[in-house]
Amino acid sequence: MEKKSFIDFWKSLDAVQKNDLRVLIARNVDCSMNTIDRYGCGYRKPNAFKQKKMVAVIKRNYQVEVSF
């Protein structure tokens, strides 16, 4: 399993993949898609509870272990 920071993982995705990730995280973590954009660009950092949920969702769907 590959390990990346969330920002590096976000930058490695194309526009369609970013949109799919936004929808997936928004449904599972209960935050807006704009907030997920901010997390990916490094402008904001999710709280510990949301970080755990996001790591689990990405690991399950993308087989990538992300860190914040």
Protein backbone atom coordinates (compact mmCIF):
# COMPACT_ATOMS: atom_id res chain seq x y z
CA MET A 1 0.00 0.00 0.00
CA GLU A 2 1.31 3.38 -1.02
CA LYS A 3 1.75 6.13 1.60
CA LYS A 4 1.23 9.81 0.75
CA SER A 5 0.22 13.02 2.42
CA PHE A 6 -3.34 14.07 1.66
CA ILE A 7 -2.12 17.11 -0.27
CA ASP A 8 0.21 15.00 -2.46
CA PHE A 9 -2.57 12.48 -3.04
CA TRP A 10 -4.94 15.31 -3.99
CA LYS A 11 -2.42 16.78 -6.45
CA SER A 12 -1.89 13.38 -8.10
CA LEU A 13 -5.57 13.16 -9.13
CA ASP A 14 -7.04 14.56 -12.33
CA ALA A 15 -10.21 16.70 -12.34
CA VAL A 16 -12.65 13.79 -12.67
CA GLN A 17 -10.95 11.80 -9.91
CA LYS A 18 -10.95 14.86 -7.63
CA ASN A 19 -14.67 15.27 -8.18
CA ASP A 20 -15.29 11.58 -7.38
CA LEU A 21 -13.20 11.92 -4.21
CA ARG A 22 -15.09 15.07 -3.19
CA VAL A 23 -18.43 13.28 -3.49
CA LEU A 24 -17.16 10.18 -1.69
CA ILE A 25 -15.74 12.11 1.25
CA ALA A 26 -18.71 14.49 1.44
CA ARG A 27 -21.09 11.54 1.79
CA ASN A 28 -19.01 9.63 4.32
CA VAL A 29 -17.44 12.38 6.41
CA ASP A 30 -20.27 14.95 6.43
CA CYS A 31 -18.48 18.02 5.14
CA SER A 32 -19.00 20.18 2.06
CA MET A 33 -17.18 19.69 -1.22
CA ASN A 34 -15.67 23.18 -0.97
CA THR A 35 -14.16 22.27 2.40
CA ILE A 36 -12.60 19.17 0.84
CA ASP A 37 -11.03 21.42 -1.82
CA ARG A 38 -9.53 23.52 0.96
CA TYR A 39 -8.12 20.40 2.63
CA GLY A 40 -6.58 19.29 -0.68
CA CYS A 41 -4.96 22.67 -1.32
CA GLY A 42 -3.59 22.87 2.20
CA TYR A 43 -5.57 25.93 3.28
CA ARG A 44 -7.36 24.08 6.09
CA LYS A 45 -6.76 20.96 8.13
CA PRO A 46 -9.58 18.60 9.17
CA ASN A 47 -10.10 17.85 12.85
CA ALA A 48 -8.92 14.50 14.24
CA PHE A 49 -12.33 12.83 13.91
CA LYS A 50 -12.69 13.78 10.23
CA GLN A 51 -9.07 12.82 9.54
CA LYS A 52 -9.70 9.26 10.77
CA LYS A 53 -12.83 8.94 8.65
CA MET A 54 -11.11 10.35 5.56
CA VAL A 55 -8.12 8.02 5.97
CA ALA A 56 -10.46 5.02 6.23
CA VAL A 57 -12.50 6.03 3.16
CA ILE A 58 -9.42 6.65 1.00
CA LYS A 59 -7.74 3.44 2.15
CA ARG A 60 -10.87 1.42 1.34
CA ASN A 61 -11.51 2.96 -2.09
CA TYR A 62 -8.07 3.94 -3.40
CA GLN A 63 -5.69 1.58 -1.53
CA VAL A 64 -3.56 4.56 -0.50
CA GLU A 65 -2.64 5.36 3.07
CA VAL A 66 -2.82 9.13 3.55
CA SER A 67 -1.54 11.27 6.39
CA PHE A 68 -2.21 14.87 7.39
